[in-house]
PDB file of N, CA and C in Angstrom:
ATOM      1  N   UNK A   1       0.840  -1.187   0.000  1.00  0.00           N
ATOM      2  CA  UNK A   1       0.000   0.000   0.000  1.00  0.00           C
ATOM      3  C   UNK A   1       0.883   1.247   0.000  1.00  0.00           C
ATOM      4  N   UNK A   2       0.381   2.292  -0.601  1.00  0.00           N
ATOM      5  CA  UNK A   2       1.074   3.575  -0.638  1.00  0.00           C
ATOM      6  C   UNK A   2       0.114   4.660  -0.184  1.00  0.00           C
ATOM      7  N   UNK A   3       0.606   5.551   0.660  1.00  0.00           N
ATOM      8  CA  UNK A   3      -0.189   6.684   1.125  1.00  0.00           C
ATOM      9  C   UNK A   3       0.381   7.947   0.480  1.00  0.00           C
ATOM     10  N   UNK A   4      -0.473   8.653  -0.260  1.00  0.00           N
ATOM     11  CA  UNK A   4      -0.079   9.897  -0.920  1.00  0.00           C
ATOM     12  C   UNK A   4      -0.744  11.034  -0.158  1.00  0.00           C
ATOM     13  N   UNK A   5       0.047  12.001   0.283  1.00  0.00           N
ATOM     14  CA  UNK A   5      -0.517  13.149   0.982  1.00  0.00           C
ATOM     15  C   UNK A   5      -0.176  14.431   0.223  1.00  0.00           C
ATOM     16  N   UNK A   6      -1.098  15.376   0.299  1.00  0.00           N
ATOM     17  CA  UNK A   6      -0.915  16.664  -0.355  1.00  0.00           C
ATOM     18  C   UNK A   6      -1.198  17.760   0.660  1.00  0.00           C
ATOM     19  N   UNK A   7      -0.220  18.611   0.879  1.00  0.00           N
ATOM     20  CA  UNK A   7      -0.368  19.770   1.760  1.00  0.00           C
ATOM     21  C   UNK A   7      -0.666  20.974   0.866  1.00  0.00           C
ATOM     22  N   UNK A   8      -1.936  21.173   0.609  1.00  0.00           N
ATOM     23  CA  UNK A   8      -2.379  22.166  -0.360  1.00  0.00           C
ATOM     24  C   UNK A   8      -2.011  23.597   0.024  1.00  0.00           C
ATOM     25  N   UNK A   9      -1.889  23.888   1.307  1.00  0.00           N
ATOM     26  CA  UNK A   9      -1.593  25.254   1.729  1.00  0.00           C
ATOM     27  C   UNK A   9      -0.231  25.735   1.264  1.00  0.00           C
ATOM     28  N   UNK A  10       0.725  24.825   1.046  1.00  0.00           N
ATOM     29  CA  UNK A  10       2.042  25.261   0.582  1.00  0.00           C
ATOM     30  C   UNK A  10       2.234  25.069  -0.926  1.00  0.00           C
ATOM     31  N   UNK A  11       1.223  24.535  -1.598  1.00  0.00           N
ATOM     32  CA  UNK A  11       1.274  24.348  -3.049  1.00  0.00           C
ATOM     33  C   UNK A  11       1.364  25.713  -3.729  1.00  0.00           C
ATOM     34  N   UNK A  12       2.271  25.825  -4.711  1.00  0.00           N
ATOM     35  CA  UNK A  12       2.421  27.089  -5.445  1.00  0.00           C
ATOM     36  C   UNK A  12       1.753  27.032  -6.815  1.00  0.00           C
ATOM     37  N   UNK A  13       1.136  25.897  -7.147  1.00  0.00           N
ATOM     38  CA  UNK A  13       0.398  25.773  -8.400  1.00  0.00           C
ATOM     39  C   UNK A  13       1.259  25.731  -9.644  1.00  0.00           C
ATOM     40  N   UNK A  14       2.448  25.145  -9.556  1.00  0.00           N
ATOM     41  CA  UNK A  14       3.337  25.105 -10.722  1.00  0.00           C
ATOM     42  C   UNK A  14       2.851  24.121 -11.784  1.00  0.00           C
ATOM     43  N   UNK A  15       2.059  23.122 -11.392  1.00  0.00           N
ATOM     44  CA  UNK A  15       1.505  22.168 -12.339  1.00  0.00           C
ATOM     45  C   UNK A  15       2.396  20.994 -12.690  1.00  0.00           C
ATOM     46  N   UNK A  16       3.557  20.895 -12.070  1.00  0.00           N
ATOM     47  CA  UNK A  16       4.472  19.790 -12.385  1.00  0.00           C
ATOM     48  C   UNK A  16       3.849  18.429 -12.085  1.00  0.00           C
ATOM     49  N   UNK A  17       3.137  18.323 -10.988  1.00  0.00           N
ATOM     50  CA  UNK A  17       2.522  17.046 -10.609  1.00  0.00           C
ATOM     51  C   UNK A  17       1.489  16.612 -11.643  1.00  0.00           C
ATOM     52  N   UNK A  18       0.675  17.542 -12.102  1.00  0.00           N
ATOM     53  CA  UNK A  18      -0.346  17.237 -13.104  1.00  0.00           C
ATOM     54  C   UNK A  18       0.288  16.881 -14.444  1.00  0.00           C
ATOM     55  N   UNK A  19       1.435  17.450 -14.729  1.00  0.00           N
ATOM     56  CA  UNK A  19       2.122  17.155 -15.987  1.00  0.00           C
ATOM     57  C   UNK A  19       2.691  15.744 -16.004  1.00  0.00           C
ATOM     58  N   UNK A  20       3.261  15.300 -14.876  1.00  0.00           N
ATOM     59  CA  UNK A  20       3.888  13.966 -14.847  1.00  0.00           C
ATOM     60  C   UNK A  20       2.935  12.862 -14.392  1.00  0.00           C
ATOM     61  N   UNK A  21       1.816  13.214 -13.759  1.00  0.00           N
ATOM     62  CA  UNK A  21       0.895  12.212 -13.218  1.00  0.00           C
ATOM     63  C   UNK A  21      -0.561  12.658 -13.355  1.00  0.00           C
ATOM     64  N   UNK A  22      -1.036  12.853 -14.587  1.00  0.00           N
ATOM     65  CA  UNK A  22      -2.395  13.355 -14.777  1.00  0.00           C
ATOM     66  C   UNK A  22      -3.495  12.390 -14.332  1.00  0.00           C
ATOM     67  N   UNK A  23      -3.160  11.128 -14.137  1.00  0.00           N
ATOM     68  CA  UNK A  23      -4.155  10.163 -13.656  1.00  0.00           C
ATOM     69  C   UNK A  23      -4.644  10.536 -12.256  1.00  0.00           C
ATOM     70  N   UNK A  24      -3.758  11.131 -11.444  1.00  0.00           N
ATOM     71  CA  UNK A  24      -4.088  11.449 -10.058  1.00  0.00           C
ATOM     72  C   UNK A  24      -4.080  12.936  -9.731  1.00  0.00           C
ATOM     73  N   UNK A  25      -3.480  13.771 -10.569  1.00  0.00           N
ATOM     74  CA  UNK A  25      -3.328  15.188 -10.268  1.00  0.00           C
ATOM     75  C   UNK A  25      -3.941  16.058 -11.349  1.00  0.00           C
ATOM     76  N   UNK A  26      -4.572  17.155 -10.936  1.00  0.00           N
ATOM     77  CA  UNK A  26      -5.142  18.114 -11.868  1.00  0.00           C
ATOM     78  C   UNK A  26      -5.065  19.509 -11.262  1.00  0.00           C
ATOM     79  N   UNK A  27      -5.061  20.486 -12.150  1.00  0.00           N
ATOM     80  CA  UNK A  27      -5.089  21.880 -11.724  1.00  0.00           C
ATOM     81  C   UNK A  27      -6.541  22.332 -11.749  1.00  0.00           C
ATOM     82  N   UNK A  28      -6.917  23.110 -10.745  1.00  0.00           N
ATOM     83  CA  UNK A  28      -8.297  23.607 -10.664  1.00  0.00           C
ATOM     84  C   UNK A  28      -8.294  25.131 -10.642  1.00  0.00           C
ATOM     85  N   UNK A  29      -9.479  25.708 -10.602  1.00  0.00           N
ATOM     86  CA  UNK A  29      -9.661  27.155 -10.686  1.00  0.00           C
ATOM     87  C   UNK A  29      -9.007  27.964  -9.588  1.00  0.00           C
ATOM     88  N   UNK A  30      -8.668  27.325  -8.465  1.00  0.00           N
ATOM     89  CA  UNK A  30      -8.030  28.068  -7.380  1.00  0.00           C
ATOM     90  C   UNK A  30      -6.528  28.245  -7.609  1.00  0.00           C
ATOM     91  N   UNK A  31      -6.020  27.699  -8.728  1.00  0.00           N
ATOM     92  CA  UNK A  31      -4.605  27.850  -9.053  1.00  0.00           C
ATOM     93  C   UNK A  31      -3.686  26.863  -8.356  1.00  0.00           C
ATOM     94  N   UNK A  32      -4.264  25.892  -7.677  1.00  0.00           N
ATOM     95  CA  UNK A  32      -3.462  24.885  -6.971  1.00  0.00           C
ATOM     96  C   UNK A  32      -3.793  23.500  -7.507  1.00  0.00           C
ATOM     97  N   UNK A  33      -2.883  22.566  -7.252  1.00  0.00           N
ATOM     98  CA  UNK A  33      -3.117  21.200  -7.702  1.00  0.00           C
ATOM     99  C   UNK A  33      -4.090  20.486  -6.774  1.00  0.00           C
ATOM    100  N   UNK A  34      -4.744  19.479  -7.329  1.00  0.00           N
ATOM    101  CA  UNK A  34      -5.708  18.683  -6.575  1.00  0.00           C
ATOM    102  C   UNK A  34      -5.405  17.213  -6.789  1.00  0.00           C
ATOM    103  N   UNK A  35      -5.392  16.459  -5.713  1.00  0.00           N
ATOM    104  CA  UNK A  35      -5.186  15.013  -5.743  1.00  0.00           C
ATOM    105  C   UNK A  35      -6.550  14.360  -5.940  1.00  0.00           C
ATOM    106  N   UNK A  36      -6.769  13.797  -7.105  1.00  0.00           N
ATOM    107  CA  UNK A  36      -8.069  13.227  -7.464  1.00  0.00           C
ATOM    108  C   UNK A  36      -8.437  12.074  -6.526  1.00  0.00           C
ATOM    109  N   UNK A  37      -9.645  12.108  -6.002  1.00  0.00           N
ATOM    110  CA  UNK A  37     -10.147  11.037  -5.158  1.00  0.00           C
ATOM    111  C   UNK A  37      -9.646  11.050  -3.728  1.00  0.00           C
ATOM    112  N   UNK A  38      -8.913  12.081  -3.350  1.00  0.00           N
ATOM    113  CA  UNK A  38      -8.326  12.140  -2.012  1.00  0.00           C
ATOM    114  C   UNK A  38      -9.361  12.479  -0.948  1.00  0.00           C
ATOM    115  N   UNK A  39      -9.098  12.009   0.237  1.00  0.00           N
ATOM    116  CA  UNK A  39      -9.919  12.301   1.411  1.00  0.00           C
ATOM    117  C   UNK A  39      -9.341  13.535   2.105  1.00  0.00           C
ATOM    118  N   UNK A  40     -10.201  14.481   2.477  1.00  0.00           N
ATOM    119  CA  UNK A  40      -9.756  15.679   3.184  1.00  0.00           C
ATOM    120  C   UNK A  40      -9.571  15.339   4.661  1.00  0.00           C
ATOM    121  N   UNK A  41      -8.344  15.495   5.151  1.00  0.00           N
ATOM    122  CA  UNK A  41      -8.062  15.253   6.559  1.00  0.00           C
ATOM    123  C   UNK A  41      -8.230  16.521   7.384  1.00  0.00           C
ATOM    124  N   UNK A  42      -7.923  17.639   6.762  1.00  0.00           N
ATOM    125  CA  UNK A  42      -8.158  18.953   7.358  1.00  0.00           C
ATOM    126  C   UNK A  42      -8.291  19.935   6.193  1.00  0.00           C
ATOM    127  N   UNK A  43      -8.453  21.181   6.470  1.00  0.00           N
ATOM    128  CA  UNK A  43      -8.715  22.175   5.429  1.00  0.00           C
ATOM    129  C   UNK A  43      -7.730  22.102   4.261  1.00  0.00           C
ATOM    130  N   UNK A  44      -6.456  21.946   4.524  1.00  0.00           N
ATOM    131  CA  UNK A  44      -5.439  21.932   3.471  1.00  0.00           C
ATOM    132  C   UNK A  44      -4.590  20.669   3.470  1.00  0.00           C
ATOM    133  N   UNK A  45      -5.090  19.567   4.007  1.00  0.00           N
ATOM    134  CA  UNK A  45      -4.336  18.316   4.075  1.00  0.00           C
ATOM    135  C   UNK A  45      -5.205  17.198   3.505  1.00  0.00           C
ATOM    136  N   UNK A  46      -4.730  16.606   2.412  1.00  0.00           N
ATOM    137  CA  UNK A  46      -5.486  15.574   1.709  1.00  0.00           C
ATOM    138  C   UNK A  46      -4.674  14.287   1.646  1.00  0.00           C
ATOM    139  N   UNK A  47      -5.377  13.140   1.601  1.00  0.00           N
ATOM    140  CA  UNK A  47      -4.699  11.850   1.599  1.00  0.00           C
ATOM    141  C   UNK A  47      -5.428  10.864   0.696  1.00  0.00           C
ATOM    142  N   UNK A  48      -4.642  10.046  -0.001  1.00  0.00           N
ATOM    143  CA  UNK A  48      -5.177   8.993  -0.856  1.00  0.00           C
ATOM    144  C   UNK A  48      -4.348   7.743  -0.626  1.00  0.00           C
ATOM    145  N   UNK A  49      -5.010   6.625  -0.346  1.00  0.00           N
ATOM    146  CA  UNK A  49      -4.324   5.348  -0.151  1.00  0.00           C
ATOM    147  C   UNK A  49      -4.545   4.497  -1.395  1.00  0.00           C
ATOM    148  N   UNK A  50      -3.445   3.981  -1.934  1.00  0.00           N
ATOM    149  CA  UNK A  50      -3.470   3.212  -3.177  1.00  0.00           C
ATOM    150  C   UNK A  50      -2.721   1.890  -2.995  1.00  0.00           C
ATOM    151  N   UNK A  51      -3.001   0.899  -3.846  1.00  0.00           N
ATOM    152  CA  UNK A  51      -2.252  -0.364  -3.770  1.00  0.00           C
ATOM    153  C   UNK A  51      -0.758  -0.173  -4.024  1.00  0.00           C
ATOM    154  N   UNK A  52      -0.403   0.775  -4.916  1.00  0.00           N
ATOM    155  CA  UNK A  52       1.003   1.120  -5.149  1.00  0.00           C
ATOM    156  C   UNK A  52       1.070   2.610  -5.502  1.00  0.00           C
ATOM    157  N   UNK A  53       2.256   3.134  -5.517  1.00  0.00           N
ATOM    158  CA  UNK A  53       2.423   4.581  -5.697  1.00  0.00           C
ATOM    159  C   UNK A  53       2.124   5.048  -7.115  1.00  0.00           C
ATOM    160  N   UNK A  54       2.219   4.139  -8.093  1.00  0.00           N
ATOM    161  CA  UNK A  54       2.063   4.482  -9.506  1.00  0.00           C
ATOM    162  C   UNK A  54       2.920   5.701  -9.821  1.00  0.00           C
ATOM    163  N   UNK A  55       2.387   6.696 -10.496  1.00  0.00           N
ATOM    164  CA  UNK A  55       3.179   7.857 -10.909  1.00  0.00           C
ATOM    165  C   UNK A  55       3.281   8.929  -9.820  1.00  0.00           C
ATOM    166  N   UNK A  56       2.722   8.678  -8.649  1.00  0.00           N
ATOM    167  CA  UNK A  56       2.753   9.685  -7.584  1.00  0.00           C
ATOM    168  C   UNK A  56       4.162   9.929  -7.044  1.00  0.00           C
ATOM    169  N   UNK A  57       5.041   8.951  -7.127  1.00  0.00           N
ATOM    170  CA  UNK A  57       6.424   9.167  -6.701  1.00  0.00           C
ATOM    171  C   UNK A  57       7.086  10.214  -7.598  1.00  0.00           C
ATOM    172  N   UNK A  58       6.804  10.141  -8.899  1.00  0.00           N
ATOM    173  CA  UNK A  58       7.339  11.135  -9.832  1.00  0.00           C
ATOM    174  C   UNK A  58       6.727  12.505  -9.565  1.00  0.00           C
ATOM    175  N   UNK A  59       5.433  12.537  -9.235  1.00  0.00           N
ATOM    176  CA  UNK A  59       4.778  13.812  -8.911  1.00  0.00           C
ATOM    177  C   UNK A  59       5.437  14.446  -7.688  1.00  0.00           C
ATOM    178  N   UNK A  60       5.697  13.643  -6.675  1.00  0.00           N
ATOM    179  CA  UNK A  60       6.348  14.153  -5.464  1.00  0.00           C
ATOM    180  C   UNK A  60       7.748  14.667  -5.772  1.00  0.00           C
ATOM    181  N   UNK A  61       8.490  13.929  -6.588  1.00  0.00           N
ATOM    182  CA  UNK A  61       9.858  14.336  -6.930  1.00  0.00           C
ATOM    183  C   UNK A  61       9.876  15.614  -7.761  1.00  0.00           C
ATOM    184  N   UNK A  62       8.822  15.859  -8.526  1.00  0.00           N
ATOM    185  CA  UNK A  62       8.772  17.043  -9.392  1.00  0.00           C
ATOM    186  C   UNK A  62       8.311  18.306  -8.653  1.00  0.00           C
ATOM    187  N   UNK A  63       7.778  18.163  -7.459  1.00  0.00           N
ATOM    188  CA  UNK A  63       7.231  19.297  -6.723  1.00  0.00           C
ATOM    189  C   UNK A  63       8.350  20.168  -6.137  1.00  0.00           C
ATOM    190  N   UNK A  64       8.429  21.441  -6.540  1.00  0.00           N
ATOM    191  CA  UNK A  64       9.520  22.283  -6.040  1.00  0.00           C
ATOM    192  C   UNK A  64       9.368  22.703  -4.571  1.00  0.00           C
ATOM    193  N   UNK A  65       8.188  22.581  -4.003  1.00  0.00           N
ATOM    194  CA  UNK A  65       7.984  22.975  -2.602  1.00  0.00           C
ATOM    195  C   UNK A  65       7.720  21.780  -1.685  1.00  0.00           C
ATOM    196  N   UNK A  66       7.826  20.577  -2.220  1.00  0.00           N
ATOM    197  CA  UNK A  66       7.669  19.338  -1.442  1.00  0.00           C
ATOM    198  C   UNK A  66       6.338  19.253  -0.696  1.00  0.00           C
ATOM    199  N   UNK A  67       5.257  19.619  -1.371  1.00  0.00           N
ATOM    200  CA  UNK A  67       3.954  19.535  -0.720  1.00  0.00           C
ATOM    201  C   UNK A  67       3.270  18.182  -0.961  1.00  0.00           C
ATOM    202  N   UNK A  68       3.945  17.302  -1.706  1.00  0.00           N
ATOM    203  CA  UNK A  68       3.436  15.948  -1.967  1.00  0.00           C
ATOM    204  C   UNK A  68       4.379  14.953  -1.309  1.00  0.00           C
ATOM    205  N   UNK A  69       3.803  14.045  -0.545  1.00  0.00           N
ATOM    206  CA  UNK A  69       4.590  12.997   0.115  1.00  0.00           C
ATOM    207  C   UNK A  69       4.006  11.645  -0.265  1.00  0.00           C
ATOM    208  N   UNK A  70       4.877  10.668  -0.482  1.00  0.00           N
ATOM    209  CA  UNK A  70       4.448   9.300  -0.765  1.00  0.00           C
ATOM    210  C   UNK A  70       5.158   8.383   0.218  1.00  0.00           C
ATOM    211  N   UNK A  71       4.365   7.625   0.968  1.00  0.00           N
ATOM    212  CA  UNK A  71       4.913   6.663   1.923  1.00  0.00           C
ATOM    213  C   UNK A  71       4.454   5.290   1.483  1.00  0.00           C
ATOM    214  N   UNK A  72       5.399   4.393   1.257  1.00  0.00           N
ATOM    215  CA  UNK A  72       5.070   3.037   0.810  1.00  0.00           C
ATOM    216  C   UNK A  72       5.107   2.071   1.963  1.00  0.00           C
TER     217      UNK A  72
END
């Protein structure tokens, strides 16, 4: 199992995650990235549990502010 977390409050909306992993990431009207299907843990903290990390490891590595974490 892999846990993907997104700390939306520090996201700068560069779009790198959506570019490398569009299956799970998209840009929305607020100018920040969104983790598709994620559960909101708090106002700016989202989490998605998956069988494997898929392309989310690349999304995390591409993030210049490290607001995406993947724990396997």
